Amino acid sequence: MSKTAAQKRAQAKYDSKAKRLELKIFPSEQDILDKILEVSADGGYAPYIKRLIREDIEREKNLKNTQ
């Protein structure tokens, strides 16, 4: 089913607010690429990466609070 003109405009507006990141994976980092491909099969790698970053932020906050 094709998107309507209104849906295309709404998607373009939503996308214009998002930031895109590029990630280079070198052959020596095949384990990282394998994990990305594994989680992609379960619904995409972006939510996985965001969750990892949020967990890291929380760890840093907790570490600062205990010092």
Foldseek 3Di string as FASTA:
>chain_A
DDDDPVRVVVVVVVVVPDDDDDDDDDPVNVVVVVVQVVVCVVPHNVVVVVVVVVVVVVVVVVVVVVD
